Amino acid sequence: MMGRAIWLTGIFVVAGLAADQAALERGQKEEARDCLPCHSLRLIHSQRLSRATWNKELDKMGGWGVKYSDRDALMEYLSANYGDDKPLTPDGKSLDGRKQK
C-alpha cells in the first residue's frame, strides 16, 4: 500500500515538472512572437526583474499594443529565467564585465 502511494506521488511530480517545462517552452515561443519584433534578445535577457516588475513590463507592452496569445507562459518564462535572483552571466559578471554585487 505504501509503495503504491510513493509510486503515485512520483507520477504526479514528473507530470508537474513536464507541465512546467512545457509552459517555459510556450513562454519562449511567446517571447519570439511578441517581444523580438521590437527588442533584441540581449536587451530582454540582460534584465533581472522581479515577478511583479516583469508583470508591469508586460502590462506596459500590452498597453502599447502587444497582443499576447499566452501571457501566463511568457510571464513564467521571464520570471524563471530572468528573475531578479538570476545572475547576468554564468561567471556572475554583468554585460560590461563588472562583477555583480
PDB file of N, CA and C in Angstrom:
ATOM      1  N   MET A   1       0.820  -1.190   0.000  1.00  0.00           N
ATOM      2  CA  MET A   1       0.000   0.000   0.000  1.00  0.00           C
ATOM      3  C   MET A   1       0.867   1.259   0.000  1.00  0.00           C
ATOM      4  N   MET A   2       1.887   1.292   0.876  1.00  0.00           N
ATOM      5  CA  MET A   2       2.776   2.449   0.963  1.00  0.00           C
ATOM      6  C   MET A   2       3.564   2.627  -0.340  1.00  0.00           C
ATOM      7  N   GLY A   3       3.971   1.510  -0.927  1.00  0.00           N
ATOM      8  CA  GLY A   3       4.712   1.574  -2.186  1.00  0.00           C
ATOM      9  C   GLY A   3       3.884   2.194  -3.297  1.00  0.00           C
ATOM     10  N   ARG A   4       2.622   1.869  -3.324  1.00  0.00           N
ATOM     11  CA  ARG A   4       1.730   2.434  -4.348  1.00  0.00           C
ATOM     12  C   ARG A   4       1.567   3.943  -4.169  1.00  0.00           C
ATOM     13  N   ALA A   5       1.471   4.396  -2.925  1.00  0.00           N
ATOM     14  CA  ALA A   5       1.347   5.834  -2.651  1.00  0.00           C
ATOM     15  C   ALA A   5       2.597   6.574  -3.113  1.00  0.00           C
ATOM     16  N   ILE A   6       3.751   5.997  -2.851  1.00  0.00           N
ATOM     17  CA  ILE A   6       5.013   6.622  -3.287  1.00  0.00           C
ATOM     18  C   ILE A   6       5.077   6.656  -4.806  1.00  0.00           C
ATOM     19  N   TRP A   7       4.684   5.566  -5.435  1.00  0.00           N
ATOM     20  CA  TRP A   7       4.693   5.493  -6.900  1.00  0.00           C
ATOM     21  C   TRP A   7       3.776   6.554  -7.502  1.00  0.00           C
ATOM     22  N   LEU A   8       2.563   6.692  -6.954  1.00  0.00           N
ATOM     23  CA  LEU A   8       1.620   7.700  -7.455  1.00  0.00           C
ATOM     24  C   LEU A   8       2.149   9.112  -7.234  1.00  0.00           C
ATOM     25  N   THR A   9       2.784   9.350  -6.099  1.00  0.00           N
ATOM     26  CA  THR A   9       3.379  10.660  -5.834  1.00  0.00           C
ATOM     27  C   THR A   9       4.447  10.959  -6.874  1.00  0.00           C
ATOM     28  N   GLY A  10       5.265   9.977  -7.193  1.00  0.00           N
ATOM     29  CA  GLY A  10       6.301  10.155  -8.210  1.00  0.00           C
ATOM     30  C   GLY A  10       5.728  10.516  -9.567  1.00  0.00           C
ATOM     31  N   ILE A  11       4.641   9.873  -9.926  1.00  0.00           N
ATOM     32  CA  ILE A  11       3.984  10.174 -11.210  1.00  0.00           C
ATOM     33  C   ILE A  11       3.511  11.622 -11.238  1.00  0.00           C
ATOM     34  N   PHE A  12       2.910  12.080 -10.142  1.00  0.00           N
ATOM     35  CA  PHE A  12       2.423  13.469 -10.095  1.00  0.00           C
ATOM     36  C   PHE A  12       3.569  14.467 -10.141  1.00  0.00           C
ATOM     37  N   VAL A  13       4.682  14.154  -9.504  1.00  0.00           N
ATOM     38  CA  VAL A  13       5.850  15.045  -9.532  1.00  0.00           C
ATOM     39  C   VAL A  13       6.387  15.148 -10.948  1.00  0.00           C
ATOM     40  N   VAL A  14       6.545  14.018 -11.621  1.00  0.00           N
ATOM     41  CA  VAL A  14       7.046  14.020 -13.002  1.00  0.00           C
ATOM     42  C   VAL A  14       6.086  14.775 -13.918  1.00  0.00           C
ATOM     43  N   ALA A  15       4.800  14.570 -13.755  1.00  0.00           N
ATOM     44  CA  ALA A  15       3.811  15.277 -14.575  1.00  0.00           C
ATOM     45  C   ALA A  15       3.874  16.778 -14.324  1.00  0.00           C
ATOM     46  N   GLY A  16       4.067  17.173 -13.073  1.00  0.00           N
ATOM     47  CA  GLY A  16       4.176  18.593 -12.744  1.00  0.00           C
ATOM     48  C   GLY A  16       5.405  19.224 -13.368  1.00  0.00           C
ATOM     49  N   LEU A  17       6.533  18.520 -13.325  1.00  0.00           N
ATOM     50  CA  LEU A  17       7.754  19.046 -13.941  1.00  0.00           C
ATOM     51  C   LEU A  17       7.596  19.161 -15.449  1.00  0.00           C
ATOM     52  N   ALA A  18       6.953  18.194 -16.077  1.00  0.00           N
ATOM     53  CA  ALA A  18       6.728  18.240 -17.525  1.00  0.00           C
ATOM     54  C   ALA A  18       5.833  19.421 -17.878  1.00  0.00           C
ATOM     55  N   ALA A  19       4.823  19.681 -17.062  1.00  0.00           N
ATOM     56  CA  ALA A  19       3.928  20.811 -17.322  1.00  0.00           C
ATOM     57  C   ALA A  19       4.691  22.115 -17.192  1.00  0.00           C
ATOM     58  N   ASP A  20       5.554  22.220 -16.181  1.00  0.00           N
ATOM     59  CA  ASP A  20       6.343  23.438 -16.014  1.00  0.00           C
ATOM     60  C   ASP A  20       7.262  23.645 -17.215  1.00  0.00           C
ATOM     61  N   GLN A  21       7.926  22.584 -17.671  1.00  0.00           N
ATOM     62  CA  GLN A  21       8.810  22.693 -18.823  1.00  0.00           C
ATOM     63  C   GLN A  21       8.024  23.082 -20.068  1.00  0.00           C
ATOM     64  N   ALA A  22       6.845  22.528 -20.225  1.00  0.00           N
ATOM     65  CA  ALA A  22       6.013  22.880 -21.378  1.00  0.00           C
ATOM     66  C   ALA A  22       5.619  24.352 -21.330  1.00  0.00           C
ATOM     67  N   ALA A  23       5.298  24.860 -20.145  1.00  0.00           N
ATOM     68  CA  ALA A  23       4.945  26.282 -20.009  1.00  0.00           C
ATOM     69  C   ALA A  23       6.140  27.157 -20.342  1.00  0.00           C
ATOM     70  N   LEU A  24       7.331  26.750 -19.910  1.00  0.00           N
ATOM     71  CA  LEU A  24       8.531  27.536 -20.220  1.00  0.00           C
ATOM     72  C   LEU A  24       8.808  27.544 -21.722  1.00  0.00           C
ATOM     73  N   GLU A  25       8.591  26.408 -22.367  1.00  0.00           N
ATOM     74  CA  GLU A  25       8.788  26.346 -23.824  1.00  0.00           C
ATOM     75  C   GLU A  25       7.771  27.216 -24.550  1.00  0.00           C
ATOM     76  N   ARG A  26       6.520  27.200 -24.086  1.00  0.00           N
ATOM     77  CA  ARG A  26       5.499  28.078 -24.672  1.00  0.00           C
ATOM     78  C   ARG A  26       5.873  29.548 -24.442  1.00  0.00           C
ATOM     79  N   GLY A  27       6.411  29.837 -23.268  1.00  0.00           N
ATOM     80  CA  GLY A  27       6.829  31.204 -22.960  1.00  0.00           C
ATOM     81  C   GLY A  27       7.955  31.672 -23.859  1.00  0.00           C
ATOM     82  N   GLN A  28       8.887  30.789 -24.160  1.00  0.00           N
ATOM     83  CA  GLN A  28       9.993  31.146 -25.050  1.00  0.00           C
ATOM     84  C   GLN A  28       9.464  31.431 -26.459  1.00  0.00           C
ATOM     85  N   LYS A  29       8.504  30.653 -26.905  1.00  0.00           N
ATOM     86  CA  LYS A  29       7.896  30.909 -28.219  1.00  0.00           C
ATOM     87  C   LYS A  29       7.136  32.230 -28.205  1.00  0.00           C
ATOM     88  N   GLU A  30       6.474  32.501 -27.087  1.00  0.00           N
ATOM     89  CA  GLU A  30       5.741  33.761 -26.937  1.00  0.00           C
ATOM     90  C   GLU A  30       6.709  34.943 -26.976  1.00  0.00           C
ATOM     91  N   GLU A  31       7.874  34.777 -26.359  1.00  0.00           N
ATOM     92  CA  GLU A  31       8.907  35.817 -26.393  1.00  0.00           C
ATOM     93  C   GLU A  31       9.309  36.114 -27.841  1.00  0.00           C
ATOM     94  N   ALA A  32       9.540  35.066 -28.613  1.00  0.00           N
ATOM     95  CA  ALA A  32       9.936  35.252 -30.011  1.00  0.00           C
ATOM     96  C   ALA A  32       8.842  35.955 -30.804  1.00  0.00           C
ATOM     97  N   ARG A  33       7.609  35.609 -30.536  1.00  0.00           N
ATOM     98  CA  ARG A  33       6.472  36.166 -31.276  1.00  0.00           C
ATOM     99  C   ARG A  33       6.154  37.602 -30.852  1.00  0.00           C
ATOM    100  N   ASP A  34       6.206  37.868 -29.540  1.00  0.00           N
ATOM    101  CA  ASP A  34       5.704  39.143 -29.029  1.00  0.00           C
ATOM    102  C   ASP A  34       6.786  40.163 -28.695  1.00  0.00           C
ATOM    103  N   CYS A  35       7.961  39.713 -28.298  1.00  0.00           N
ATOM    104  CA  CYS A  35       8.991  40.634 -27.821  1.00  0.00           C
ATOM    105  C   CYS A  35      10.028  40.988 -28.892  1.00  0.00           C
ATOM    106  N   LEU A  36      10.420  39.977 -29.674  1.00  0.00           N
ATOM    107  CA  LEU A  36      11.519  40.184 -30.623  1.00  0.00           C
ATOM    108  C   LEU A  36      11.224  41.134 -31.777  1.00  0.00           C
ATOM    109  N   PRO A  37       9.970  41.370 -32.137  1.00  0.00           N
ATOM    110  CA  PRO A  37       9.769  42.365 -33.189  1.00  0.00           C
ATOM    111  C   PRO A  37      10.293  43.759 -32.808  1.00  0.00           C
ATOM    112  N   CYS A  38      10.378  44.044 -31.505  1.00  0.00           N
ATOM    113  CA  CYS A  38      10.825  45.373 -31.068  1.00  0.00           C
ATOM    114  C   CYS A  38      12.107  45.358 -30.244  1.00  0.00           C
ATOM    115  N   HIS A  39      12.429  44.230 -29.628  1.00  0.00           N
ATOM    116  CA  HIS A  39      13.571  44.166 -28.712  1.00  0.00           C
ATOM    117  C   HIS A  39      14.520  43.050 -29.108  1.00  0.00           C
ATOM    118  N   SER A  40      15.812  43.249 -28.823  1.00  0.00           N
ATOM    119  CA  SER A  40      16.792  42.186 -29.044  1.00  0.00           C
ATOM    120  C   SER A  40      16.750  41.210 -27.865  1.00  0.00           C
ATOM    121  N   LEU A  41      17.193  39.990 -28.114  1.00  0.00           N
ATOM    122  CA  LEU A  41      17.296  39.031 -27.024  1.00  0.00           C
ATOM    123  C   LEU A  41      18.247  39.537 -25.950  1.00  0.00           C
ATOM    124  N   ARG A  42      19.312  40.184 -26.361  1.00  0.00           N
ATOM    125  CA  ARG A  42      20.278  40.704 -25.386  1.00  0.00           C
ATOM    126  C   ARG A  42      19.612  41.692 -24.434  1.00  0.00           C
ATOM    127  N   LEU A  43      18.785  42.565 -24.956  1.00  0.00           N
ATOM    128  CA  LEU A  43      18.102  43.537 -24.103  1.00  0.00           C
ATOM    129  C   LEU A  43      17.168  42.824 -23.127  1.00  0.00           C
ATOM    130  N   ILE A  44      16.383  41.893 -23.627  1.00  0.00           N
ATOM    131  CA  ILE A  44      15.434  41.165 -22.775  1.00  0.00           C
ATOM    132  C   ILE A  44      16.184  40.332 -21.743  1.00  0.00           C
ATOM    133  N   HIS A  45      17.170  39.595 -22.192  1.00  0.00           N
ATOM    134  CA  HIS A  45      17.863  38.655 -21.322  1.00  0.00           C
ATOM    135  C   HIS A  45      18.822  39.326 -20.353  1.00  0.00           C
ATOM    136  N   SER A  46      19.152  40.574 -20.576  1.00  0.00           N
ATOM    137  CA  SER A  46      20.023  41.284 -19.628  1.00  0.00           C
ATOM    138  C   SER A  46      19.235  41.871 -18.466  1.00  0.00           C
ATOM    139  N   GLN A  47      17.918  41.827 -18.549  1.00  0.00           N
ATOM    140  CA  GLN A  47      17.083  42.326 -17.458  1.00  0.00           C
ATOM    141  C   GLN A  47      17.057  41.307 -16.331  1.00  0.00           C
ATOM    142  N   ARG A  48      17.050  41.774 -15.139  1.00  0.00           N
ATOM    143  CA  ARG A  48      16.877  40.916 -13.962  1.00  0.00           C
ATOM    144  C   ARG A  48      15.796  41.580 -13.118  1.00  0.00           C
ATOM    145  N   LEU A  49      14.551  41.218 -13.399  1.00  0.00           N
ATOM    146  CA  LEU A  49      13.408  41.879 -12.779  1.00  0.00           C
ATOM    147  C   LEU A  49      12.649  40.921 -11.883  1.00  0.00           C
ATOM    148  N   SER A  50      12.041  41.466 -10.869  1.00  0.00           N
ATOM    149  CA  SER A  50      11.175  40.649 -10.010  1.00  0.00           C
ATOM    150  C   SER A  50       9.944  40.244 -10.807  1.00  0.00           C
ATOM    151  N   ARG A  51       9.228  39.279 -10.300  1.00  0.00           N
ATOM    152  CA  ARG A  51       7.990  38.831 -10.962  1.00  0.00           C
ATOM    153  C   ARG A  51       7.015  40.004 -11.100  1.00  0.00           C
ATOM    154  N   ALA A  52       6.889  40.814 -10.055  1.00  0.00           N
ATOM    155  CA  ALA A  52       5.978  41.965 -10.100  1.00  0.00           C
ATOM    156  C   ALA A  52       6.407  42.964 -11.166  1.00  0.00           C
ATOM    157  N   THR A  53       7.710  43.175 -11.304  1.00  0.00           N
ATOM    158  CA  THR A  53       8.198  44.136 -12.302  1.00  0.00           C
ATOM    159  C   THR A  53       8.035  43.581 -13.710  1.00  0.00           C
ATOM    160  N   TRP A  54       8.277  42.271 -13.903  1.00  0.00           N
ATOM    161  CA  TRP A  54       8.009  41.673 -15.221  1.00  0.00           C
ATOM    162  C   TRP A  54       6.531  41.838 -15.561  1.00  0.00           C
ATOM    163  N   ASN A  55       5.669  41.655 -14.577  1.00  0.00           N
ATOM    164  CA  ASN A  55       4.236  41.814 -14.801  1.00  0.00           C
ATOM    165  C   ASN A  55       3.911  43.234 -15.259  1.00  0.00           C
ATOM    166  N   LYS A  56       4.519  44.218 -14.624  1.00  0.00           N
ATOM    167  CA  LYS A  56       4.312  45.627 -15.023  1.00  0.00           C
ATOM    168  C   LYS A  56       4.820  45.869 -16.441  1.00  0.00           C
ATOM    169  N   GLU A  57       5.968  45.268 -16.773  1.00  0.00           N
ATOM    170  CA  GLU A  57       6.516  45.427 -18.128  1.00  0.00           C
ATOM    171  C   GLU A  57       5.568  44.830 -19.164  1.00  0.00           C
ATOM    172  N   LEU A  58       5.032  43.653 -18.879  1.00  0.00           N
ATOM    173  CA  LEU A  58       4.095  43.039 -19.825  1.00  0.00           C
ATOM    174  C   LEU A  58       2.812  43.866 -19.935  1.00  0.00           C
ATOM    175  N   ASP A  59       2.352  44.414 -18.822  1.00  0.00           N
ATOM    176  CA  ASP A  59       1.185  45.314 -18.866  1.00  0.00           C
ATOM    177  C   ASP A  59       1.481  46.536 -19.730  1.00  0.00           C
ATOM    178  N   LYS A  60       2.677  47.099 -19.548  1.00  0.00           N
ATOM    179  CA  LYS A  60       3.072  48.287 -20.312  1.00  0.00           C
ATOM    180  C   LYS A  60       3.114  47.971 -21.802  1.00  0.00           C
ATOM    181  N   MET A  61       3.727  46.848 -22.157  1.00  0.00           N
ATOM    182  CA  MET A  61       3.815  46.468 -23.570  1.00  0.00           C
ATOM    183  C   MET A  61       2.423  46.181 -24.136  1.00  0.00           C
ATOM    184  N   GLY A  62       1.563  45.582 -23.319  1.00  0.00           N
ATOM    185  CA  GLY A  62       0.183  45.351 -23.753  1.00  0.00           C
ATOM    186  C   GLY A  62      -0.536  46.659 -24.012  1.00  0.00           C
ATOM    187  N   GLY A  63      -0.255  47.663 -23.194  1.00  0.00           N
ATOM    188  CA  GLY A  63      -0.835  48.985 -23.402  1.00  0.00           C
ATOM    189  C   GLY A  63      -0.342  49.643 -24.677  1.00  0.00           C
ATOM    190  N   TRP A  64       0.826  49.223 -25.134  1.00  0.00           N
ATOM    191  CA  TRP A  64       1.384  49.754 -26.385  1.00  0.00           C
ATOM    192  C   TRP A  64       1.004  48.902 -27.589  1.00  0.00           C
ATOM    193  N   GLY A  65       0.122  47.915 -27.361  1.00  0.00           N
ATOM    194  CA  GLY A  65      -0.415  47.183 -28.498  1.00  0.00           C
ATOM    195  C   GLY A  65      -0.018  45.736 -28.646  1.00  0.00           C
ATOM    196  N   VAL A  66       0.843  45.218 -27.791  1.00  0.00           N
ATOM    197  CA  VAL A  66       1.209  43.803 -27.900  1.00  0.00           C
ATOM    198  C   VAL A  66      -0.007  42.947 -27.561  1.00  0.00           C
ATOM    199  N   LYS A  67      -0.299  41.991 -28.412  1.00  0.00           N
ATOM    200  CA  LYS A  67      -1.401  41.044 -28.204  1.00  0.00           C
ATOM    201  C   LYS A  67      -0.798  39.692 -27.841  1.00  0.00           C
ATOM    202  N   TYR A  68      -0.848  39.350 -26.573  1.00  0.00           N
ATOM    203  CA  TYR A  68      -0.290  38.085 -26.100  1.00  0.00           C
ATOM    204  C   TYR A  68      -1.253  36.942 -26.402  1.00  0.00           C
ATOM    205  N   SER A  69      -0.705  35.835 -26.871  1.00  0.00           N
ATOM    206  CA  SER A  69      -1.546  34.652 -27.027  1.00  0.00           C
ATOM    207  C   SER A  69      -1.423  33.740 -25.804  1.00  0.00           C
ATOM    208  N   ASP A  70      -0.323  33.861 -25.046  1.00  0.00           N
ATOM    209  CA  ASP A  70      -0.141  33.069 -23.829  1.00  0.00           C
ATOM    210  C   ASP A  70       0.696  33.876 -22.839  1.00  0.00           C
ATOM    211  N   ARG A  71       0.082  34.907 -22.303  1.00  0.00           N
ATOM    212  CA  ARG A  71       0.781  35.825 -21.392  1.00  0.00           C
ATOM    213  C   ARG A  71       1.293  35.098 -20.156  1.00  0.00           C
ATOM    214  N   ASP A  72       0.511  34.172 -19.624  1.00  0.00           N
ATOM    215  CA  ASP A  72       0.922  33.446 -18.422  1.00  0.00           C
ATOM    216  C   ASP A  72       2.210  32.654 -18.654  1.00  0.00           C
ATOM    217  N   ALA A  73       2.314  32.003 -19.795  1.00  0.00           N
ATOM    218  CA  ALA A  73       3.524  31.240 -20.113  1.00  0.00           C
ATOM    219  C   ALA A  73       4.711  32.177 -20.285  1.00  0.00           C
ATOM    220  N   LEU A  74       4.496  33.329 -20.926  1.00  0.00           N
ATOM    221  CA  LEU A  74       5.573  34.309 -21.088  1.00  0.00           C
ATOM    222  C   LEU A  74       6.029  34.812 -19.722  1.00  0.00           C
ATOM    223  N   MET A  75       5.086  35.076 -18.849  1.00  0.00           N
ATOM    224  CA  MET A  75       5.407  35.539 -17.500  1.00  0.00           C
ATOM    225  C   MET A  75       6.231  34.498 -16.756  1.00  0.00           C
ATOM    226  N   GLU A  76       5.835  33.237 -16.848  1.00  0.00           N
ATOM    227  CA  GLU A  76       6.584  32.158 -16.196  1.00  0.00           C
ATOM    228  C   GLU A  76       7.998  32.066 -16.754  1.00  0.00           C
ATOM    229  N   TYR A  77       8.120  32.139 -18.072  1.00  0.00           N
ATOM    230  CA  TYR A  77       9.418  32.037 -18.732  1.00  0.00           C
ATOM    231  C   TYR A  77      10.343  33.165 -18.297  1.00  0.00           C
ATOM    232  N   LEU A  78       9.848  34.400 -18.349  1.00  0.00           N
ATOM    233  CA  LEU A  78      10.684  35.545 -17.996  1.00  0.00           C
ATOM    234  C   LEU A  78      11.092  35.525 -16.529  1.00  0.00           C
ATOM    235  N   SER A  79      10.154  35.259 -15.654  1.00  0.00           N
ATOM    236  CA  SER A  79      10.487  35.288 -14.233  1.00  0.00           C
ATOM    237  C   SER A  79      11.358  34.095 -13.829  1.00  0.00           C
ATOM    238  N   ALA A  80      11.185  32.946 -14.481  1.00  0.00           N
ATOM    239  CA  ALA A  80      12.008  31.774 -14.156  1.00  0.00           C
ATOM    240  C   ALA A  80      13.442  31.932 -14.666  1.00  0.00           C
ATOM    241  N   ASN A  81      13.602  32.533 -15.822  1.00  0.00           N
ATOM    242  CA  ASN A  81      14.927  32.625 -16.431  1.00  0.00           C
ATOM    243  C   ASN A  81      15.623  33.957 -16.219  1.00  0.00           C
ATOM    244  N   TYR A  82      14.866  35.018 -16.042  1.00  0.00           N
ATOM    245  CA  TYR A  82      15.446  36.359 -15.957  1.00  0.00           C
ATOM    246  C   TYR A  82      14.907  37.117 -14.761  1.00  0.00           C
ATOM    247  N   GLY A  83      14.691  36.383 -13.676  1.00  0.00           N
ATOM    248  CA  GLY A  83      14.229  36.991 -12.438  1.00  0.00           C
ATOM    249  C   GLY A  83      15.352  37.737 -11.739  1.00  0.00           C
ATOM    250  N   ASP A  84      14.990  38.511 -10.734  1.00  0.00           N
ATOM    251  CA  ASP A  84      15.988  39.302 -10.024  1.00  0.00           C
ATOM    252  C   ASP A  84      16.921  38.447  -9.166  1.00  0.00           C
ATOM    253  N   ASP A  85      16.678  37.144  -9.106  1.00  0.00           N
ATOM    254  CA  ASP A  85      17.550  36.243  -8.364  1.00  0.00           C
ATOM    255  C   ASP A  85      18.532  35.493  -9.270  1.00  0.00           C
ATOM    256  N   LYS A  86      18.541  35.831 -10.566  1.00  0.00           N
ATOM    257  CA  LYS A  86      19.401  35.140 -11.529  1.00  0.00           C
ATOM    258  C   LYS A  86      20.614  36.001 -11.880  1.00  0.00           C
ATOM    259  N   PRO A  87      21.796  35.385 -12.020  1.00  0.00           N
ATOM    260  CA  PRO A  87      22.975  36.155 -12.443  1.00  0.00           C
ATOM    261  C   PRO A  87      22.870  36.520 -13.920  1.00  0.00           C
ATOM    262  N   LEU A  88      23.562  37.583 -14.293  1.00  0.00           N
ATOM    263  CA  LEU A  88      23.537  38.011 -15.692  1.00  0.00           C
ATOM    264  C   LEU A  88      24.267  37.038 -16.601  1.00  0.00           C
ATOM    265  N   THR A  89      25.366  36.502 -16.134  1.00  0.00           N
ATOM    266  CA  THR A  89      26.126  35.548 -16.927  1.00  0.00           C
ATOM    267  C   THR A  89      26.548  34.409 -16.012  1.00  0.00           C
ATOM    268  N   PRO A  90      26.943  33.272 -16.588  1.00  0.00           N
ATOM    269  CA  PRO A  90      27.349  32.149 -15.742  1.00  0.00           C
ATOM    270  C   PRO A  90      28.502  32.493 -14.800  1.00  0.00           C
ATOM    271  N   ASP A  91      29.384  33.430 -15.174  1.00  0.00           N
ATOM    272  CA  ASP A  91      30.503  33.769 -14.297  1.00  0.00           C
ATOM    273  C   ASP A  91      30.165  34.899 -13.324  1.00  0.00           C
ATOM    274  N   GLY A  92      28.895  35.329 -13.307  1.00  0.00           N
ATOM    275  CA  GLY A  92      28.461  36.337 -12.347  1.00  0.00           C
ATOM    276  C   GLY A  92      28.820  37.754 -12.707  1.00  0.00           C
ATOM    277  N   LYS A  93      29.236  37.987 -13.946  1.00  0.00           N
ATOM    278  CA  LYS A  93      29.595  39.337 -14.369  1.00  0.00           C
ATOM    279  C   LYS A  93      28.454  39.961 -15.149  1.00  0.00           C
ATOM    280  N   SER A  94      28.375  41.280 -15.091  1.00  0.00           N
ATOM    281  CA  SER A  94      27.377  41.987 -15.879  1.00  0.00           C
ATOM    282  C   SER A  94      27.840  42.040 -17.332  1.00  0.00           C
ATOM    283  N   LEU A  95      27.006  42.552 -18.194  1.00  0.00           N
ATOM    284  CA  LEU A  95      27.353  42.612 -19.617  1.00  0.00           C
ATOM    285  C   LEU A  95      28.577  43.464 -19.888  1.00  0.00           C
ATOM    286  N   ASP A  96      28.875  44.458 -19.004  1.00  0.00           N
ATOM    287  CA  ASP A  96      30.052  45.290 -19.220  1.00  0.00           C
ATOM    288  C   ASP A  96      31.309  44.688 -18.554  1.00  0.00           C
ATOM    289  N   GLY A  97      31.175  43.482 -18.008  1.00  0.00           N
ATOM    290  CA  GLY A  97      32.324  42.783 -17.439  1.00  0.00           C
ATOM    291  C   GLY A  97      32.555  43.030 -15.960  1.00  0.00           C
ATOM    292  N   ARG A  98      31.778  43.913 -15.346  1.00  0.00           N
ATOM    293  CA  ARG A  98      31.947  44.184 -13.923  1.00  0.00           C
ATOM    294  C   ARG A  98      31.305  43.073 -13.107  1.00  0.00           C
ATOM    295  N   LYS A  99      31.894  42.783 -11.976  1.00  0.00           N
ATOM    296  CA  LYS A  99      31.363  41.776 -11.062  1.00  0.00           C
ATOM    297  C   LYS A  99      30.085  42.302 -10.433  1.00  0.00           C
ATOM    298  N   GLN A 100      29.056  41.443 -10.360  1.00  0.00           N
ATOM    299  CA  GLN A 100      27.801  41.815  -9.714  1.00  0.00           C
ATOM    300  C   GLN A 100      27.971  41.836  -8.214  1.00  0.00           C
ATOM    301  N   LYS A 101      27.141  42.637  -7.554  1.00  0.00           N
ATOM    302  CA  LYS A 101      27.158  42.682  -6.093  1.00  0.00           C
ATOM    303  C   LYS A 101      26.436  41.494  -5.524  1.00  0.00           C
TER     304      LYS A 101
END
